[in-house]
Amino acid sequence: MKNKNNPLESAIQGDINAFQTLFITFQDQLKSYLYRLLASRADAEDIAHDTFIKAFDKLKTFQGKSSLKTWVFQIATNLAYNALKKRKRWTEDVSAQAKELVMTTPSLAGEIEQIARTSNYGQYDIKEHIDTCFTCISKNLAIENQIVLMLKDVYDFSIKEIMLIVDRSEGVVKYMLQKARKTMTDIFDRRCALVNKNGVCHQCSELNGWFNPKQNQQSALMKIQMVKDRTEKKKSELFKMRTELIKAIQPLKSDGHELQDILMRCNRIAMGE
């Protein structure tokens, strides 16, 4: 007989509604994670759905060695990895290539302007674009390094949980994390004008000027602690501040998620996806 007081036991015994009750507690976070790995809302939705089905089908094999959330993230990560290994890794100048694409494609520029003008979720916010940028730069990393970085620095999984998710030893996970952080920090330092006055990428300011022509760009930027402290903090500290900013954003439900999503689509097109 199904135990109505224990949703996990009921789910293991075949109650899909009980499993849905459990799954929904981390569903938004899972979709957000998949979106940041895949840079596509449709792909994130598809893999989240496939994860639900596969996890429910395999639930009798769940031995409780981790939380259910960690176990489900392991399934989702494997599905995402299989999708990502078929694609090329992005280049660090993706935003510049996307900008050129938009400038030479009037229909695409018009679509972006239409969303910004009419969508309830088309607001431009610099913090949200910093989040989008983080996703794009993370796609320069080797896939496993990208996964480990997202799990630890954005979604706060422990090293032990990540070891289970990616099926790697503690030493390997720590090495991948260290390497991913260094690569990301170095790219931001040489490209991002927010943290280095010699950075070549000014897209956050340029987009702010496009969508908020009456807003003072410097005033908007100085509301971000990372920008205020850029001359006083070490590169690694600025990277940590960036991740703290990103943790507070739900990329699929923010006030500007439709605008950021089409900007992400431009990046995917520029990278040949």
Protein backbone atom coordinates (compact mmCIF):
# COMPACT_ATOMS: atom_id res chain seq x y z
CA MET A 1 0.00 0.00 0.00
CA LYS A 2 1.27 3.47 -0.88
CA ASN A 3 2.45 5.61 2.02
CA LYS A 4 0.60 8.89 1.64
CA ASN A 5 2.68 10.44 4.41
CA ASN A 6 5.94 9.83 2.58
CA PRO A 7 5.91 11.21 -0.98
CA LEU A 8 9.24 9.55 -1.83
CA GLU A 9 8.03 6.08 -0.83
CA SER A 10 4.80 6.67 -2.73
CA ALA A 11 6.75 7.82 -5.79
CA ILE A 12 9.03 4.77 -5.65
CA GLN A 13 5.91 2.61 -5.58
CA GLY A 14 4.72 4.25 -8.81
CA ASP A 15 2.77 7.35 -7.78
CA ILE A 16 3.73 9.92 -10.43
CA ASN A 17 1.80 12.68 -8.64
CA ALA A 18 3.91 12.12 -5.53
CA PHE A 19 7.05 12.34 -7.65
CA GLN A 20 5.80 15.55 -9.26
CA THR A 21 5.35 17.00 -5.76
CA LEU A 22 8.99 16.26 -5.00
CA PHE A 23 10.31 17.30 -8.40
CA ILE A 24 8.61 20.68 -8.35
CA THR A 25 10.56 21.76 -5.26
CA PHE A 26 13.73 22.09 -7.38
CA GLN A 27 12.26 22.25 -10.89
CA ASP A 28 12.92 25.98 -11.42
CA GLN A 29 16.50 25.63 -10.28
CA LEU A 30 17.00 22.62 -12.55
CA LYS A 31 15.67 24.47 -15.59
CA SER A 32 17.81 27.49 -14.77
CA TYR A 33 20.88 25.24 -14.53
CA LEU A 34 20.11 23.56 -17.84
CA TYR A 35 19.52 26.92 -19.50
CA ARG A 36 22.90 28.17 -18.37
CA LEU A 37 24.56 25.04 -19.74
CA LEU A 38 22.70 24.92 -23.06
CA ALA A 39 21.97 28.64 -23.68
CA SER A 40 18.56 27.70 -25.06
CA ARG A 41 15.18 27.88 -23.34
CA ALA A 42 13.70 25.22 -25.61
CA ASP A 43 16.59 22.81 -25.01
CA ALA A 44 16.42 23.42 -21.25
CA GLU A 45 12.68 22.72 -21.21
CA ASP A 46 13.11 19.56 -23.31
CA ILE A 47 15.88 18.13 -21.16
CA ALA A 48 14.05 19.02 -17.94
CA HIS A 49 11.04 17.08 -19.27
CA ASP A 50 13.22 14.13 -20.32
CA THR A 51 14.87 14.22 -16.89
CA PHE A 52 11.50 13.98 -15.14
CA ILE A 53 10.48 10.96 -17.22
CA LYS A 54 13.83 9.18 -16.88
CA ALA A 55 14.08 9.87 -13.14
CA PHE A 56 10.58 8.54 -12.51
CA ASP A 57 11.28 5.45 -14.58
CA LYS A 58 14.53 4.78 -12.68
CA LEU A 59 13.27 5.81 -9.23
CA LYS A 60 13.34 2.26 -7.87
CA THR A 61 17.14 2.32 -8.34
CA PHE A 62 17.48 5.40 -6.10
CA GLN A 63 19.39 4.17 -3.04
CA GLY A 64 19.38 7.35 -0.98
CA LYS A 65 23.17 7.84 -1.11
CA SER A 66 22.46 11.49 -1.91
CA SER A 67 19.46 13.77 -1.81
CA LEU A 68 16.81 13.17 -4.46
CA LYS A 69 17.67 16.60 -5.89
CA THR A 70 21.33 15.63 -6.36
CA TRP A 71 20.31 12.32 -7.95
CA VAL A 72 17.96 14.09 -10.39
CA PHE A 73 20.62 16.67 -11.23
CA GLN A 74 22.95 13.79 -12.08
CA ILE A 75 20.43 12.48 -14.62
CA ALA A 76 19.88 15.95 -16.08
CA THR A 77 23.62 16.61 -16.25
CA ASN A 78 24.23 13.41 -18.21
CA LEU A 79 21.49 14.32 -20.69
CA ALA A 80 22.86 17.86 -21.07
CA TYR A 81 26.40 16.55 -21.48
CA ASN A 82 25.33 14.26 -24.31
CA ALA A 83 23.70 17.22 -26.06
CA LEU A 84 26.65 19.56 -25.50
CA LYS A 85 29.36 17.17 -26.70
CA LYS A 86 27.82 17.32 -30.17
CA ARG A 87 28.35 21.09 -30.33
CA LYS A 88 31.40 23.31 -30.63
CA ARG A 89 32.51 25.28 -27.62
CA TRP A 90 31.94 29.02 -27.95
CA THR A 91 34.67 31.62 -28.37
CA GLU A 92 35.31 34.47 -25.96
CA ASP A 93 34.42 37.10 -28.59
CA VAL A 94 30.89 35.71 -28.98
CA SER A 95 29.29 39.02 -27.97
CA ALA A 96 31.28 40.90 -30.62
CA GLN A 97 30.25 38.39 -33.28
CA ALA A 98 26.61 38.60 -32.18
CA LYS A 99 26.76 42.40 -32.30
CA GLU A 100 28.04 42.27 -35.88
CA LEU A 101 25.28 39.80 -36.77
CA VAL A 102 22.57 42.11 -35.41
CA MET A 103 24.06 45.18 -37.11
CA THR A 104 24.01 43.42 -40.48
CA THR A 105 20.62 41.72 -40.09
CA PRO A 106 17.79 44.31 -39.97
CA SER A 107 15.10 41.69 -39.34
CA LEU A 108 16.92 40.44 -36.26
CA ALA A 109 17.49 43.94 -34.94
CA GLY A 110 13.81 44.68 -35.51
CA GLU A 111 12.77 41.59 -33.57
CA ILE A 112 14.94 42.64 -30.64
CA GLU A 113 13.49 46.16 -30.66
CA GLN A 114 9.95 44.79 -30.87
CA ILE A 115 10.44 42.63 -27.80
CA ALA A 116 12.05 45.48 -25.86
CA ARG A 117 9.18 47.79 -26.79
CA THR A 118 6.15 45.54 -26.34
CA SER A 119 6.96 42.53 -24.13
CA ASN A 120 6.09 42.45 -20.45
CA TYR A 121 9.40 40.65 -20.02
CA GLY A 122 11.48 42.77 -22.37
CA GLN A 123 13.05 45.15 -19.87
CA TYR A 124 16.78 45.70 -20.13
CA ASP A 125 18.74 45.44 -16.90
CA ILE A 126 22.54 45.48 -16.78
CA LYS A 127 22.62 42.88 -13.99
CA GLU A 128 20.59 40.47 -16.10
CA HIS A 129 22.92 40.99 -19.02
CA ILE A 130 25.92 40.28 -16.78
CA ASP A 131 24.19 36.97 -16.04
CA THR A 132 23.73 36.29 -19.77
CA CYS A 133 27.37 37.16 -20.36
CA PHE A 134 28.48 34.74 -17.65
CA THR A 135 26.57 31.96 -19.39
CA CYS A 136 28.17 32.80 -22.73
CA ILE A 137 31.71 32.96 -21.36
CA SER A 138 31.23 29.69 -19.44
CA LYS A 139 30.59 28.02 -22.78
CA ASN A 140 34.28 28.55 -23.58
CA LEU A 141 35.11 25.91 -20.97
CA ALA A 142 35.46 22.19 -21.45
CA ILE A 143 31.98 20.78 -20.84
CA GLU A 144 32.79 19.05 -17.53
CA ASN A 145 34.53 22.18 -16.26
CA GLN A 146 31.48 24.27 -17.16
CA ILE A 147 29.22 21.81 -15.34
CA VAL A 148 31.38 21.76 -12.19
CA LEU A 149 31.62 25.56 -12.13
CA MET A 150 27.87 26.01 -12.43
CA LEU A 151 27.08 23.40 -9.81
CA LYS A 152 29.50 24.82 -7.23
CA ASP A 153 29.64 28.57 -7.81
CA VAL A 154 26.10 29.28 -8.98
CA TYR A 155 23.97 26.47 -7.48
CA ASP A 156 25.93 25.84 -4.25
CA PHE A 157 26.30 22.08 -4.52
CA SER A 158 28.99 20.67 -2.26
CA ILE A 159 32.13 19.02 -3.63
CA LYS A 160 30.81 15.63 -2.46
CA GLU A 161 27.52 16.18 -4.28
CA ILE A 162 29.34 17.25 -7.43
CA MET A 163 31.51 14.13 -7.22
CA LEU A 164 28.32 12.06 -7.40
CA ILE A 165 26.79 14.13 -10.19
CA VAL A 166 29.82 13.99 -12.51
CA ASP A 167 31.21 10.66 -11.25
CA ARG A 168 34.69 12.01 -10.60
CA SER A 169 37.05 11.89 -7.62
CA GLU A 170 37.42 14.77 -5.19
CA GLY A 171 40.82 15.71 -6.58
CA VAL A 172 39.55 15.79 -10.16
CA VAL A 173 36.49 17.87 -9.25
CA LYS A 174 38.62 20.40 -7.37
CA TYR A 175 41.08 20.60 -10.25
CA MET A 176 38.30 21.16 -12.81
CA LEU A 177 36.77 23.84 -10.60
CA GLN A 178 40.08 25.63 -10.12
CA LYS A 179 40.82 25.53 -13.85
CA ALA A 180 37.32 26.75 -14.75
CA ARG A 181 37.53 29.69 -12.33
CA LYS A 182 40.93 30.72 -13.65
CA THR A 183 39.82 30.57 -17.28
CA MET A 184 36.66 32.57 -16.57
CA THR A 185 38.55 35.13 -14.48
CA ASP A 186 41.19 35.61 -17.16
CA ILE A 187 38.61 36.04 -19.93
CA PHE A 188 36.64 38.60 -17.93
CA ASP A 189 39.79 40.49 -17.03
CA ARG A 190 40.95 40.90 -20.61
CA ARG A 191 37.52 41.41 -22.17
CA CYS A 192 35.07 42.94 -19.70
CA ALA A 193 35.16 46.72 -19.51
CA LEU A 194 33.25 46.55 -16.21
CA VAL A 195 36.23 45.07 -14.36
CA ASN A 196 39.17 46.25 -16.45
CA LYS A 197 39.37 49.69 -18.08
CA ASN A 198 41.30 48.05 -20.91
CA GLY A 199 38.57 45.47 -21.51
CA VAL A 200 37.40 45.41 -25.11
CA CYS A 201 33.75 44.47 -24.46
CA HIS A 202 31.40 47.34 -23.66
CA GLN A 203 28.21 45.50 -24.57
CA CYS A 204 26.49 46.05 -21.21
CA SER A 205 26.85 49.82 -21.58
CA GLU A 206 26.01 49.79 -25.29
CA LEU A 207 22.83 47.81 -24.76
CA ASN A 208 21.86 50.03 -21.85
CA GLY A 209 22.24 53.01 -24.17
CA TRP A 210 20.14 51.30 -26.87
CA PHE A 211 17.25 50.26 -24.65
CA ASN A 212 17.44 53.00 -22.00
CA PRO A 213 18.61 56.09 -23.93
CA LYS A 214 17.55 58.47 -21.15
CA GLN A 215 19.22 56.53 -18.37
CA ASN A 216 22.66 57.59 -17.23
CA GLN A 217 24.89 54.64 -18.04
CA GLN A 218 27.49 55.40 -15.40
CA SER A 219 24.81 55.72 -12.73
CA ALA A 220 23.34 52.35 -13.70
CA LEU A 221 26.74 50.69 -13.65
CA MET A 222 27.79 52.15 -10.32
CA LYS A 223 24.81 50.49 -8.63
CA ILE A 224 26.69 47.22 -9.12
CA GLN A 225 29.14 46.54 -6.29
CA MET A 226 31.54 44.72 -8.59
CA VAL A 227 31.95 47.87 -10.67
CA LYS A 228 32.42 50.06 -7.59
CA ASP A 229 35.19 47.85 -6.24
CA ARG A 230 36.96 46.96 -9.48
CA THR A 231 40.12 49.00 -8.68
CA GLU A 232 40.41 47.67 -5.13
CA LYS A 233 39.62 43.98 -5.46
CA LYS A 234 41.70 41.16 -6.86
CA LYS A 235 40.50 39.45 -10.04
CA SER A 236 39.44 36.37 -8.08
CA GLU A 237 37.40 38.52 -5.68
CA LEU A 238 35.67 40.27 -8.59
CA PHE A 239 34.81 36.87 -10.05
CA LYS A 240 33.26 35.79 -6.75
CA MET A 241 31.23 39.02 -6.62
CA ARG A 242 30.02 38.31 -10.14
CA THR A 243 28.81 34.85 -9.15
CA GLU A 244 27.00 36.30 -6.11
CA LEU A 245 25.17 38.71 -8.40
CA ILE A 246 24.23 35.87 -10.75
CA LYS A 247 22.87 33.65 -7.97
CA ALA A 248 20.14 36.22 -7.33
CA ILE A 249 18.84 36.04 -10.92
CA GLN A 250 16.41 33.46 -12.31
CA PRO A 251 17.22 33.72 -16.04
CA LEU A 252 13.96 32.10 -17.17
CA LYS A 253 11.67 34.24 -15.01
CA SER A 254 13.33 37.65 -14.72
CA ASP A 255 11.66 40.88 -15.84
CA GLY A 256 13.82 40.89 -18.94
CA HIS A 257 14.01 37.20 -19.72
CA GLU A 258 12.47 37.46 -23.21
CA LEU A 259 14.90 40.18 -24.24
CA GLN A 260 17.90 38.32 -22.83
CA ASP A 261 16.69 35.13 -24.50
CA ILE A 262 16.72 36.66 -27.97
CA LEU A 263 20.14 38.16 -27.29
CA MET A 264 21.27 34.66 -26.35
CA ARG A 265 19.74 33.35 -29.57
CA CYS A 266 21.87 35.84 -31.49
CA ASN A 267 24.93 34.41 -29.76
CA ARG A 268 23.92 30.89 -30.73
CA ILE A 269 23.46 31.94 -34.36
CA ALA A 270 26.82 33.70 -34.32
CA MET A 271 28.42 30.49 -33.01
CA GLY A 272 26.83 28.47 -35.81
CA GLU A 273 24.10 26.73 -33.78
